[in-house]
Amino acid sequence: MLIKRIHHVATIAFAAIVATTSLRADGPASANESHIRATTPALQALVDESGERSPAFRALVEQINASDVVVYLKYYLFSPAGPDGRLIFVGTAGGRRYVMVQIGCLHTRVDEFAILAHELQHAAEVAAAPSIVDAASLAQHYATIGFVARQWQHGIAFETGAAKEAGSLVQQEIIESIRAEEAAARASHASAATARN
């Protein structure tokens, strides 16, 4: 999680995203409306597969969907020394709080599962803290529940143990799901080959 001192840059990027989406700040979300909004088909596929394969990921999504937090997902090209992902508080409107999750675009698919879950855990932490209404209150909250992972001229990056655990758990569940699927496919192929002989 990154708290940027140059917060207006994130807000400008967010404005470009909401201009091309159906942001409705005039009332509560419908029961079926997801609060997790991917900005590309590839990210939507990542969310969908994570939900299909990981019970822990589904629980995170349910927690966020039941809250006033809306999460926009975006791929981002970080510098080699930069983070794998980050959450930025964008603003409030119409009784909702908006955050942007940026996911590093130079990772393997398996690592992307972990990064996505890690950052969505941060979104769930924001959802559980109604006092977070801007970047300053976000930093104040994370100074209490987390620890400083990195500090440099552009801002402070906070971390929590819960986010690290969520990323690892979801990644492990997805790997196990993929392995089980592959094992079932091999067994089916072997059975079909035996039947032909």
N, C-alpha and C. Protein backbone atom coordinates (compact mmCIF):
# COMPACT_ATOMS: atom_id res chain seq x y z
N MET A 1 0.84 -1.17 0.00
CA MET A 1 0.00 0.00 0.00
C MET A 1 0.88 1.23 0.00
N LEU A 2 0.55 2.18 -0.86
CA LEU A 2 1.37 3.37 -1.02
C LEU A 2 0.55 4.60 -0.66
N ILE A 3 1.08 5.44 0.19
CA ILE A 3 0.47 6.74 0.46
C ILE A 3 1.34 7.75 -0.27
N LYS A 4 0.79 8.37 -1.30
CA LYS A 4 1.59 9.29 -2.11
C LYS A 4 1.39 10.72 -1.64
N ARG A 5 2.46 11.46 -1.62
CA ARG A 5 2.35 12.88 -1.32
C ARG A 5 1.79 13.63 -2.53
N ILE A 6 2.03 13.11 -3.72
CA ILE A 6 1.49 13.74 -4.93
C ILE A 6 0.17 13.06 -5.27
N HIS A 7 -0.80 13.19 -4.36
CA HIS A 7 -2.07 12.50 -4.47
C HIS A 7 -2.88 12.92 -5.68
N HIS A 8 -2.70 14.17 -6.16
CA HIS A 8 -3.49 14.65 -7.29
C HIS A 8 -3.23 13.85 -8.55
N VAL A 9 -2.07 13.24 -8.69
CA VAL A 9 -1.77 12.41 -9.86
C VAL A 9 -2.71 11.22 -9.91
N ALA A 10 -2.94 10.58 -8.76
CA ALA A 10 -3.87 9.44 -8.71
C ALA A 10 -5.28 9.89 -9.04
N THR A 11 -5.67 11.06 -8.56
CA THR A 11 -7.01 11.55 -8.81
C THR A 11 -7.22 11.82 -10.30
N ILE A 12 -6.23 12.35 -10.97
CA ILE A 12 -6.34 12.61 -12.40
C ILE A 12 -6.46 11.29 -13.16
N ALA A 13 -5.67 10.31 -12.78
CA ALA A 13 -5.76 9.00 -13.43
C ALA A 13 -7.13 8.39 -13.20
N PHE A 14 -7.66 8.54 -12.00
CA PHE A 14 -8.97 8.00 -11.69
C PHE A 14 -10.05 8.68 -12.53
N ALA A 15 -9.94 9.99 -12.72
CA ALA A 15 -10.93 10.71 -13.52
C ALA A 15 -10.99 10.16 -14.93
N ALA A 16 -9.85 9.78 -15.48
CA ALA A 16 -9.83 9.20 -16.83
C ALA A 16 -10.53 7.85 -16.85
N ILE A 17 -10.41 7.09 -15.78
CA ILE A 17 -11.06 5.78 -15.72
C ILE A 17 -12.56 5.92 -15.60
N VAL A 18 -13.02 6.77 -14.68
CA VAL A 18 -14.46 6.86 -14.47
C VAL A 18 -15.17 7.49 -15.66
N ALA A 19 -14.45 8.21 -16.48
CA ALA A 19 -15.07 8.78 -17.66
C ALA A 19 -15.50 7.70 -18.65
N THR A 20 -14.88 6.52 -18.56
CA THR A 20 -15.20 5.45 -19.49
C THR A 20 -15.97 4.31 -18.83
N THR A 21 -16.41 4.52 -17.59
CA THR A 21 -17.16 3.48 -16.89
C THR A 21 -18.48 4.02 -16.40
N SER A 22 -19.28 3.14 -15.84
CA SER A 22 -20.60 3.56 -15.37
C SER A 22 -20.56 3.87 -13.88
N LEU A 23 -19.85 4.91 -13.52
CA LEU A 23 -19.79 5.34 -12.13
C LEU A 23 -21.09 6.05 -11.79
N ARG A 24 -21.78 5.52 -10.77
CA ARG A 24 -23.02 6.14 -10.33
C ARG A 24 -22.89 6.50 -8.87
N ALA A 25 -22.76 7.76 -8.60
CA ALA A 25 -22.62 8.22 -7.22
C ALA A 25 -23.95 8.70 -6.65
N ASP A 26 -25.04 8.39 -7.34
CA ASP A 26 -26.33 8.93 -6.93
C ASP A 26 -27.15 7.98 -6.07
N GLY A 27 -26.59 6.86 -5.65
CA GLY A 27 -27.36 5.97 -4.81
C GLY A 27 -26.60 4.71 -4.50
N PRO A 28 -27.19 3.85 -3.69
CA PRO A 28 -26.51 2.61 -3.32
C PRO A 28 -26.41 1.67 -4.51
N ALA A 29 -25.41 0.80 -4.46
CA ALA A 29 -25.22 -0.18 -5.53
C ALA A 29 -26.33 -1.21 -5.48
N SER A 30 -26.66 -1.76 -6.64
CA SER A 30 -27.64 -2.84 -6.66
C SER A 30 -27.02 -4.08 -6.05
N ALA A 31 -27.86 -5.04 -5.69
CA ALA A 31 -27.37 -6.24 -5.01
C ALA A 31 -26.37 -7.01 -5.85
N ASN A 32 -26.49 -6.95 -7.16
CA ASN A 32 -25.62 -7.73 -8.04
C ASN A 32 -24.44 -6.94 -8.59
N GLU A 33 -24.34 -5.67 -8.24
CA GLU A 33 -23.27 -4.83 -8.78
C GLU A 33 -21.98 -5.05 -8.02
N SER A 34 -20.93 -5.40 -8.73
CA SER A 34 -19.64 -5.62 -8.08
C SER A 34 -18.99 -4.29 -7.74
N HIS A 35 -18.36 -4.25 -6.59
CA HIS A 35 -17.60 -3.07 -6.19
C HIS A 35 -16.16 -3.17 -6.68
N ILE A 36 -15.81 -4.27 -7.33
CA ILE A 36 -14.46 -4.45 -7.87
C ILE A 36 -14.57 -4.32 -9.38
N ARG A 37 -13.97 -3.27 -9.92
CA ARG A 37 -14.16 -2.92 -11.32
C ARG A 37 -12.83 -2.92 -12.06
N ALA A 38 -12.68 -3.90 -12.91
CA ALA A 38 -11.45 -4.03 -13.70
C ALA A 38 -11.51 -3.06 -14.88
N THR A 39 -10.38 -2.50 -15.22
CA THR A 39 -10.32 -1.54 -16.32
C THR A 39 -9.90 -2.19 -17.63
N THR A 40 -9.55 -3.49 -17.60
CA THR A 40 -9.19 -4.21 -18.82
C THR A 40 -9.79 -5.61 -18.77
N PRO A 41 -10.02 -6.21 -19.95
CA PRO A 41 -10.52 -7.60 -19.95
C PRO A 41 -9.56 -8.57 -19.26
N ALA A 42 -8.26 -8.33 -19.38
CA ALA A 42 -7.28 -9.22 -18.74
C ALA A 42 -7.41 -9.18 -17.22
N LEU A 43 -7.63 -8.01 -16.66
CA LEU A 43 -7.82 -7.91 -15.22
C LEU A 43 -9.15 -8.52 -14.79
N GLN A 44 -10.19 -8.36 -15.61
CA GLN A 44 -11.46 -8.98 -15.28
C GLN A 44 -11.32 -10.50 -15.28
N ALA A 45 -10.56 -11.03 -16.24
CA ALA A 45 -10.32 -12.48 -16.28
C ALA A 45 -9.56 -12.93 -15.04
N LEU A 46 -8.63 -12.11 -14.57
CA LEU A 46 -7.87 -12.43 -13.36
C LEU A 46 -8.80 -12.49 -12.15
N VAL A 47 -9.70 -11.52 -12.05
CA VAL A 47 -10.67 -11.50 -10.94
C VAL A 47 -11.59 -12.72 -11.03
N ASP A 48 -12.08 -13.00 -12.24
CA ASP A 48 -13.01 -14.12 -12.41
C ASP A 48 -12.37 -15.45 -12.05
N GLU A 49 -11.15 -15.67 -12.53
CA GLU A 49 -10.48 -16.95 -12.24
C GLU A 49 -10.14 -17.06 -10.76
N SER A 50 -9.73 -15.95 -10.16
CA SER A 50 -9.45 -15.97 -8.71
C SER A 50 -10.69 -16.37 -7.94
N GLY A 51 -11.85 -15.82 -8.32
CA GLY A 51 -13.10 -16.15 -7.65
C GLY A 51 -13.54 -17.58 -7.86
N GLU A 52 -13.26 -18.11 -9.04
CA GLU A 52 -13.63 -19.50 -9.34
C GLU A 52 -12.78 -20.49 -8.55
N ARG A 53 -11.54 -20.15 -8.31
CA ARG A 53 -10.60 -21.12 -7.75
C ARG A 53 -10.32 -20.96 -6.25
N SER A 54 -10.62 -19.80 -5.67
CA SER A 54 -10.20 -19.54 -4.29
C SER A 54 -11.36 -19.11 -3.39
N PRO A 55 -11.71 -19.93 -2.40
CA PRO A 55 -12.72 -19.51 -1.42
C PRO A 55 -12.32 -18.26 -0.64
N ALA A 56 -11.04 -18.13 -0.33
CA ALA A 56 -10.58 -16.94 0.42
C ALA A 56 -10.76 -15.68 -0.42
N PHE A 57 -10.52 -15.79 -1.72
CA PHE A 57 -10.71 -14.63 -2.60
C PHE A 57 -12.19 -14.26 -2.67
N ARG A 58 -13.05 -15.25 -2.77
CA ARG A 58 -14.50 -14.98 -2.81
C ARG A 58 -14.95 -14.27 -1.53
N ALA A 59 -14.39 -14.66 -0.40
CA ALA A 59 -14.74 -14.01 0.87
C ALA A 59 -14.30 -12.54 0.87
N LEU A 60 -13.14 -12.26 0.31
CA LEU A 60 -12.68 -10.87 0.20
C LEU A 60 -13.63 -10.04 -0.66
N VAL A 61 -14.02 -10.62 -1.81
CA VAL A 61 -14.92 -9.92 -2.72
C VAL A 61 -16.26 -9.64 -2.03
N GLU A 62 -16.77 -10.63 -1.31
CA GLU A 62 -18.04 -10.45 -0.61
C GLU A 62 -17.94 -9.34 0.43
N GLN A 63 -16.83 -9.29 1.14
CA GLN A 63 -16.63 -8.25 2.15
C GLN A 63 -16.61 -6.87 1.51
N ILE A 64 -15.92 -6.74 0.40
CA ILE A 64 -15.84 -5.44 -0.28
C ILE A 64 -17.20 -5.07 -0.89
N ASN A 65 -17.88 -6.05 -1.49
CA ASN A 65 -19.18 -5.77 -2.10
C ASN A 65 -20.23 -5.34 -1.08
N ALA A 66 -20.07 -5.77 0.15
CA ALA A 66 -21.02 -5.41 1.21
C ALA A 66 -20.69 -4.05 1.84
N SER A 67 -19.66 -3.40 1.36
CA SER A 67 -19.20 -2.14 1.95
C SER A 67 -19.52 -0.95 1.05
N ASP A 68 -19.05 0.22 1.48
CA ASP A 68 -19.20 1.43 0.68
C ASP A 68 -17.96 1.72 -0.17
N VAL A 69 -17.04 0.77 -0.22
CA VAL A 69 -15.79 0.96 -0.96
C VAL A 69 -15.92 0.38 -2.36
N VAL A 70 -15.50 1.15 -3.35
CA VAL A 70 -15.45 0.72 -4.74
C VAL A 70 -13.99 0.71 -5.16
N VAL A 71 -13.56 -0.41 -5.76
CA VAL A 71 -12.17 -0.60 -6.12
C VAL A 71 -12.03 -0.64 -7.64
N TYR A 72 -11.22 0.23 -8.18
CA TYR A 72 -10.86 0.16 -9.59
C TYR A 72 -9.51 -0.52 -9.71
N LEU A 73 -9.41 -1.48 -10.63
CA LEU A 73 -8.18 -2.23 -10.85
C LEU A 73 -7.52 -1.78 -12.14
N LYS A 74 -6.23 -1.61 -12.08
CA LYS A 74 -5.49 -1.14 -13.25
C LYS A 74 -4.10 -1.77 -13.25
N TYR A 75 -3.63 -2.17 -14.44
CA TYR A 75 -2.23 -2.58 -14.57
C TYR A 75 -1.37 -1.32 -14.58
N TYR A 76 -0.16 -1.46 -14.03
CA TYR A 76 0.74 -0.31 -13.96
C TYR A 76 2.17 -0.80 -14.13
N LEU A 77 2.95 -0.05 -14.87
CA LEU A 77 4.36 -0.41 -15.08
C LEU A 77 5.20 0.29 -14.02
N PHE A 78 5.51 -0.45 -12.97
CA PHE A 78 6.37 0.08 -11.92
C PHE A 78 7.83 -0.02 -12.34
N SER A 79 8.67 0.79 -11.71
CA SER A 79 10.11 0.67 -11.94
C SER A 79 10.60 -0.65 -11.36
N PRO A 80 11.74 -1.14 -11.81
CA PRO A 80 12.26 -2.42 -11.29
C PRO A 80 12.38 -2.46 -9.77
N ALA A 81 12.66 -1.33 -9.15
CA ALA A 81 12.79 -1.28 -7.69
C ALA A 81 11.47 -0.94 -7.01
N GLY A 82 10.41 -0.79 -7.79
CA GLY A 82 9.13 -0.40 -7.24
C GLY A 82 8.36 -1.55 -6.64
N PRO A 83 7.14 -1.29 -6.19
CA PRO A 83 6.32 -2.33 -5.55
C PRO A 83 5.71 -3.28 -6.59
N ASP A 84 5.16 -4.37 -6.12
CA ASP A 84 4.43 -5.30 -6.99
C ASP A 84 3.02 -4.78 -7.26
N GLY A 85 2.50 -4.03 -6.31
CA GLY A 85 1.17 -3.46 -6.43
C GLY A 85 0.98 -2.41 -5.37
N ARG A 86 -0.11 -1.65 -5.48
CA ARG A 86 -0.38 -0.64 -4.46
C ARG A 86 -1.84 -0.24 -4.51
N LEU A 87 -2.30 0.28 -3.38
CA LEU A 87 -3.65 0.83 -3.27
C LEU A 87 -3.52 2.32 -3.00
N ILE A 88 -4.30 3.11 -3.74
CA ILE A 88 -4.30 4.55 -3.57
C ILE A 88 -5.72 5.00 -3.26
N PHE A 89 -5.89 5.80 -2.22
CA PHE A 89 -7.20 6.36 -1.92
C PHE A 89 -7.46 7.49 -2.90
N VAL A 90 -8.63 7.44 -3.56
CA VAL A 90 -8.93 8.42 -4.60
C VAL A 90 -9.86 9.51 -4.11
N GLY A 91 -10.96 9.13 -3.44
CA GLY A 91 -11.88 10.15 -2.97
C GLY A 91 -13.21 9.56 -2.54
N THR A 92 -14.14 10.44 -2.24
CA THR A 92 -15.48 10.02 -1.83
C THR A 92 -16.50 10.73 -2.71
N ALA A 93 -17.64 10.06 -2.94
CA ALA A 93 -18.73 10.65 -3.70
C ALA A 93 -19.98 9.81 -3.51
N GLY A 94 -21.11 10.47 -3.32
CA GLY A 94 -22.39 9.77 -3.25
C GLY A 94 -22.46 8.68 -2.21
N GLY A 95 -21.79 8.88 -1.09
CA GLY A 95 -21.83 7.88 -0.02
C GLY A 95 -20.90 6.70 -0.25
N ARG A 96 -20.02 6.80 -1.22
CA ARG A 96 -19.04 5.73 -1.47
C ARG A 96 -17.62 6.27 -1.35
N ARG A 97 -16.72 5.36 -1.05
CA ARG A 97 -15.30 5.69 -1.03
C ARG A 97 -14.63 4.93 -2.17
N TYR A 98 -13.76 5.61 -2.88
CA TYR A 98 -13.14 5.04 -4.07
C TYR A 98 -11.64 4.88 -3.87
N VAL A 99 -11.16 3.69 -4.23
CA VAL A 99 -9.73 3.42 -4.20
C VAL A 99 -9.32 2.85 -5.55
N MET A 100 -8.06 3.00 -5.85
CA MET A 100 -7.51 2.39 -7.06
C MET A 100 -6.42 1.40 -6.65
N VAL A 101 -6.50 0.21 -7.20
CA VAL A 101 -5.46 -0.78 -7.01
C VAL A 101 -4.68 -0.89 -8.31
N GLN A 102 -3.39 -0.69 -8.22
CA GLN A 102 -2.50 -0.84 -9.38
C GLN A 102 -1.70 -2.12 -9.20
N ILE A 103 -1.68 -2.94 -10.24
CA ILE A 103 -0.98 -4.22 -10.21
C ILE A 103 0.15 -4.18 -11.22
N GLY A 104 1.35 -4.50 -10.77
CA GLY A 104 2.50 -4.53 -11.67
C GLY A 104 2.25 -5.45 -12.85
N CYS A 105 2.56 -4.98 -14.04
CA CYS A 105 2.19 -5.72 -15.25
C CYS A 105 3.28 -6.66 -15.75
N LEU A 106 4.37 -6.81 -15.03
CA LEU A 106 5.47 -7.66 -15.49
C LEU A 106 5.65 -8.89 -14.60
N HIS A 107 4.54 -9.44 -14.13
CA HIS A 107 4.58 -10.61 -13.25
C HIS A 107 3.93 -11.81 -13.93
N THR A 108 4.26 -12.99 -13.41
CA THR A 108 3.59 -14.19 -13.91
C THR A 108 2.14 -14.18 -13.45
N ARG A 109 1.32 -14.97 -14.13
CA ARG A 109 -0.09 -15.05 -13.77
C ARG A 109 -0.25 -15.52 -12.32
N VAL A 110 0.53 -16.50 -11.91
CA VAL A 110 0.43 -17.02 -10.55
C VAL A 110 0.76 -15.93 -9.53
N ASP A 111 1.76 -15.11 -9.83
CA ASP A 111 2.08 -14.00 -8.93
C ASP A 111 1.00 -12.93 -8.94
N GLU A 112 0.37 -12.71 -10.09
CA GLU A 112 -0.71 -11.73 -10.16
C GLU A 112 -1.87 -12.11 -9.24
N PHE A 113 -2.16 -13.40 -9.12
CA PHE A 113 -3.21 -13.83 -8.19
C PHE A 113 -2.90 -13.35 -6.78
N ALA A 114 -1.64 -13.53 -6.36
CA ALA A 114 -1.24 -13.13 -5.01
C ALA A 114 -1.28 -11.62 -4.83
N ILE A 115 -0.79 -10.89 -5.83
CA ILE A 115 -0.77 -9.43 -5.74
C ILE A 115 -2.19 -8.87 -5.66
N LEU A 116 -3.08 -9.40 -6.50
CA LEU A 116 -4.47 -8.94 -6.49
C LEU A 116 -5.11 -9.18 -5.13
N ALA A 117 -4.96 -10.37 -4.58
CA ALA A 117 -5.55 -10.68 -3.28
C ALA A 117 -4.94 -9.81 -2.18
N HIS A 118 -3.64 -9.61 -2.24
CA HIS A 118 -2.94 -8.76 -1.27
C HIS A 118 -3.55 -7.35 -1.26
N GLU A 119 -3.69 -6.77 -2.45
CA GLU A 119 -4.20 -5.40 -2.52
C GLU A 119 -5.69 -5.33 -2.18
N LEU A 120 -6.46 -6.37 -2.52
CA LEU A 120 -7.88 -6.37 -2.15
C LEU A 120 -8.05 -6.53 -0.64
N GLN A 121 -7.10 -7.19 0.02
CA GLN A 121 -7.14 -7.22 1.48
C GLN A 121 -6.99 -5.81 2.04
N HIS A 122 -6.10 -5.02 1.43
CA HIS A 122 -5.99 -3.63 1.84
C HIS A 122 -7.32 -2.89 1.61
N ALA A 123 -7.98 -3.16 0.49
CA ALA A 123 -9.28 -2.54 0.24
C ALA A 123 -10.29 -2.95 1.30
N ALA A 124 -10.25 -4.21 1.72
CA ALA A 124 -11.14 -4.68 2.79
C ALA A 124 -10.81 -3.99 4.11
N GLU A 125 -9.53 -3.72 4.34
CA GLU A 125 -9.14 -2.99 5.55
C GLU A 125 -9.69 -1.57 5.52
N VAL A 126 -9.66 -0.94 4.35
CA VAL A 126 -10.26 0.39 4.20
C VAL A 126 -11.76 0.31 4.45
N ALA A 127 -12.39 -0.72 3.88
CA ALA A 127 -13.84 -0.88 4.05
C ALA A 127 -14.22 -1.02 5.52
N ALA A 128 -13.37 -1.64 6.31
CA ALA A 128 -13.66 -1.88 7.73
C ALA A 128 -13.38 -0.64 8.60
N ALA A 129 -12.86 0.41 7.98
CA ALA A 129 -12.49 1.61 8.75
C ALA A 129 -13.19 2.83 8.16
N PRO A 130 -14.40 3.13 8.60
CA PRO A 130 -15.14 4.28 8.05
C PRO A 130 -14.45 5.62 8.27
N SER A 131 -13.49 5.67 9.17
CA SER A 131 -12.77 6.92 9.42
C SER A 131 -11.85 7.30 8.26
N ILE A 132 -11.57 6.36 7.36
CA ILE A 132 -10.71 6.66 6.21
C ILE A 132 -11.53 7.37 5.15
N VAL A 133 -11.23 8.65 4.95
CA VAL A 133 -11.97 9.45 3.98
C VAL A 133 -11.07 10.22 3.03
N ASP A 134 -9.76 10.11 3.21
CA ASP A 134 -8.80 10.79 2.34
C ASP A 134 -7.43 10.16 2.56
N ALA A 135 -6.44 10.65 1.81
CA ALA A 135 -5.09 10.07 1.91
C ALA A 135 -4.50 10.25 3.31
N ALA A 136 -4.78 11.39 3.94
CA ALA A 136 -4.22 11.64 5.28
C ALA A 136 -4.79 10.67 6.31
N SER A 137 -6.11 10.45 6.28
CA SER A 137 -6.70 9.50 7.24
C SER A 137 -6.31 8.07 6.92
N LEU A 138 -6.06 7.79 5.65
CA LEU A 138 -5.55 6.47 5.27
C LEU A 138 -4.18 6.23 5.90
N ALA A 139 -3.30 7.21 5.77
CA ALA A 139 -1.96 7.09 6.35
C ALA A 139 -2.03 6.96 7.87
N GLN A 140 -2.90 7.74 8.48
CA GLN A 140 -3.04 7.68 9.93
C GLN A 140 -3.52 6.30 10.37
N HIS A 141 -4.49 5.74 9.65
CA HIS A 141 -5.01 4.42 9.99
C HIS A 141 -3.93 3.35 9.84
N TYR A 142 -3.19 3.40 8.75
CA TYR A 142 -2.18 2.37 8.52
C TYR A 142 -0.98 2.52 9.43
N ALA A 143 -0.74 3.71 9.92
CA ALA A 143 0.31 3.88 10.92
C ALA A 143 -0.07 3.16 12.21
N THR A 144 -1.38 2.93 12.40
CA THR A 144 -1.88 2.24 13.59
C THR A 144 -1.96 0.73 13.39
N ILE A 145 -2.50 0.30 12.23
CA ILE A 145 -2.72 -1.15 12.04
C ILE A 145 -1.59 -1.85 11.31
N GLY A 146 -0.70 -1.08 10.68
CA GLY A 146 0.35 -1.70 9.88
C GLY A 146 1.73 -1.23 10.27
N PHE A 147 2.62 -1.30 9.31
CA PHE A 147 3.98 -0.85 9.54
C PHE A 147 4.52 -0.26 8.24
N VAL A 148 5.52 0.61 8.36
CA VAL A 148 6.11 1.24 7.19
C VAL A 148 7.01 0.22 6.50
N ALA A 149 6.67 -0.08 5.25
CA ALA A 149 7.48 -1.03 4.47
C ALA A 149 8.57 -0.31 3.70
N ARG A 150 8.29 0.95 3.37
CA ARG A 150 9.26 1.71 2.57
C ARG A 150 8.93 3.20 2.68
N GLN A 151 9.95 4.03 2.72
CA GLN A 151 9.76 5.47 2.75
C GLN A 151 10.79 6.11 1.85
N TRP A 152 10.34 6.99 0.97
CA TRP A 152 11.27 7.68 0.07
C TRP A 152 10.67 9.03 -0.28
N GLN A 153 11.30 9.76 -1.19
CA GLN A 153 10.92 11.16 -1.43
C GLN A 153 9.49 11.33 -1.93
N HIS A 154 8.92 10.30 -2.58
CA HIS A 154 7.58 10.44 -3.13
C HIS A 154 6.47 9.99 -2.19
N GLY A 155 6.79 9.37 -1.08
CA GLY A 155 5.74 8.94 -0.17
C GLY A 155 6.17 7.84 0.77
N ILE A 156 5.17 7.22 1.38
CA ILE A 156 5.38 6.16 2.35
C ILE A 156 4.56 4.95 1.92
N ALA A 157 5.16 3.79 1.95
CA ALA A 157 4.44 2.55 1.65
C ALA A 157 4.20 1.81 2.96
N PHE A 158 2.94 1.51 3.24
CA PHE A 158 2.58 0.77 4.44
C PHE A 158 2.27 -0.68 4.08
N GLU A 159 2.38 -1.54 5.06
CA GLU A 159 2.09 -2.96 4.88
C GLU A 159 1.37 -3.48 6.10
N THR A 160 0.59 -4.57 5.89
CA THR A 160 -0.02 -5.26 7.02
C THR A 160 0.23 -6.75 6.89
N GLY A 161 0.29 -7.41 8.02
CA GLY A 161 0.45 -8.86 8.01
C GLY A 161 -0.73 -9.54 7.36
N ALA A 162 -1.93 -8.99 7.56
CA ALA A 162 -3.13 -9.60 6.97
C ALA A 162 -3.08 -9.61 5.46
N ALA A 163 -2.56 -8.55 4.86
CA ALA A 163 -2.47 -8.49 3.40
C ALA A 163 -1.45 -9.51 2.87
N LYS A 164 -0.34 -9.64 3.58
CA LYS A 164 0.66 -10.64 3.16
C LYS A 164 0.07 -12.04 3.24
N GLU A 165 -0.67 -12.31 4.32
CA GLU A 165 -1.28 -13.63 4.49
C GLU A 165 -2.36 -13.89 3.43
N ALA A 166 -3.15 -12.87 3.12
CA ALA A 166 -4.21 -13.04 2.12
C ALA A 166 -3.63 -13.37 0.76
N GLY A 167 -2.58 -12.68 0.37
CA GLY A 167 -1.94 -12.96 -0.91
C GLY A 167 -1.42 -14.38 -0.98
N SER A 168 -0.75 -14.81 0.08
CA SER A 168 -0.19 -16.18 0.11
C SER A 168 -1.28 -17.23 0.10
N LEU A 169 -2.34 -17.02 0.89
CA LEU A 169 -3.42 -18.01 0.98
C LEU A 169 -4.14 -18.16 -0.35
N VAL A 170 -4.51 -17.04 -0.97
CA VAL A 170 -5.22 -17.10 -2.25
C VAL A 170 -4.35 -17.74 -3.32
N GLN A 171 -3.10 -17.36 -3.35
CA GLN A 171 -2.19 -17.96 -4.34
C GLN A 171 -2.10 -19.47 -4.14
N GLN A 172 -1.99 -19.92 -2.89
CA GLN A 172 -1.90 -21.35 -2.62
C GLN A 172 -3.18 -22.07 -3.01
N GLU A 173 -4.33 -21.50 -2.70
CA GLU A 173 -5.60 -22.12 -3.08
C GLU A 173 -5.73 -22.25 -4.60
N ILE A 174 -5.29 -21.23 -5.31
CA ILE A 174 -5.38 -21.26 -6.77
C ILE A 174 -4.42 -22.29 -7.35
N ILE A 175 -3.22 -22.36 -6.82
CA ILE A 175 -2.25 -23.36 -7.29
C ILE A 175 -2.81 -24.76 -7.06
N GLU A 176 -3.38 -24.99 -5.88
CA GLU A 176 -3.95 -26.31 -5.59
C GLU A 176 -5.12 -26.62 -6.52
N SER A 177 -5.93 -25.63 -6.83
CA SER A 177 -7.05 -25.82 -7.76
C SER A 177 -6.55 -26.18 -9.15
N ILE A 178 -5.53 -25.49 -9.61
CA ILE A 178 -4.97 -25.76 -10.94
C ILE A 178 -4.36 -27.16 -10.98
N ARG A 179 -3.64 -27.52 -9.93
CA ARG A 179 -3.02 -28.86 -9.88
C ARG A 179 -4.09 -29.95 -9.87
N ALA A 180 -5.17 -29.73 -9.11
CA ALA A 180 -6.25 -30.73 -9.06
C ALA A 180 -6.91 -30.87 -10.43
N GLU A 181 -7.10 -29.75 -11.11
CA GLU A 181 -7.70 -29.76 -12.44
C GLU A 181 -6.80 -30.51 -13.43
N GLU A 182 -5.50 -30.25 -13.35
CA GLU A 182 -4.55 -30.93 -14.24
C GLU A 182 -4.49 -32.42 -13.95
N ALA A 183 -4.54 -32.79 -12.66
CA ALA A 183 -4.52 -34.21 -12.29
C ALA A 183 -5.78 -34.91 -12.79
N ALA A 184 -6.92 -34.25 -12.70
CA ALA A 184 -8.17 -34.84 -13.19
C ALA A 184 -8.12 -35.02 -14.70
N ALA A 185 -7.53 -34.05 -15.40
CA ALA A 185 -7.41 -34.15 -16.85
C ALA A 185 -6.49 -35.30 -17.24
N ARG A 186 -5.38 -35.46 -16.50
CA ARG A 186 -4.46 -36.57 -16.79
C ARG A 186 -5.14 -37.92 -16.54
N ALA A 187 -5.88 -38.00 -15.43
CA ALA A 187 -6.58 -39.25 -15.11
C ALA A 187 -7.63 -39.58 -16.16
N SER A 188 -8.34 -38.57 -16.63
CA SER A 188 -9.35 -38.77 -17.67
C SER A 188 -8.71 -39.22 -18.97
N HIS A 189 -7.58 -38.62 -19.30
CA HIS A 189 -6.85 -39.00 -20.52
C HIS A 189 -6.34 -40.43 -20.42
N ALA A 190 -5.79 -40.77 -19.26
CA ALA A 190 -5.28 -42.13 -19.06
C ALA A 190 -6.41 -43.15 -19.12
N SER A 191 -7.56 -42.79 -18.54
CA SER A 191 -8.71 -43.70 -18.57
C SER A 191 -9.20 -43.90 -20.00
N ALA A 192 -9.23 -42.82 -20.78
CA ALA A 192 -9.67 -42.93 -22.16
C ALA A 192 -8.69 -43.77 -22.98
N ALA A 193 -7.39 -43.59 -22.70
CA ALA A 193 -6.39 -44.38 -23.43
C ALA A 193 -6.50 -45.85 -23.08
N THR A 194 -6.76 -46.17 -21.81
CA THR A 194 -6.93 -47.56 -21.40
C THR A 194 -8.14 -48.19 -22.06
N ALA A 195 -9.22 -47.41 -22.15
CA ALA A 195 -10.45 -47.93 -22.75
C ALA A 195 -10.27 -48.23 -24.22
N ARG A 196 -9.38 -47.47 -24.90
CA ARG A 196 -9.16 -47.72 -26.31
C ARG A 196 -8.32 -48.97 -26.56
N ASN A 197 -7.53 -49.38 -25.55
CA ASN A 197 -6.63 -50.53 -25.71
C ASN A 197 -7.30 -51.87 -25.43
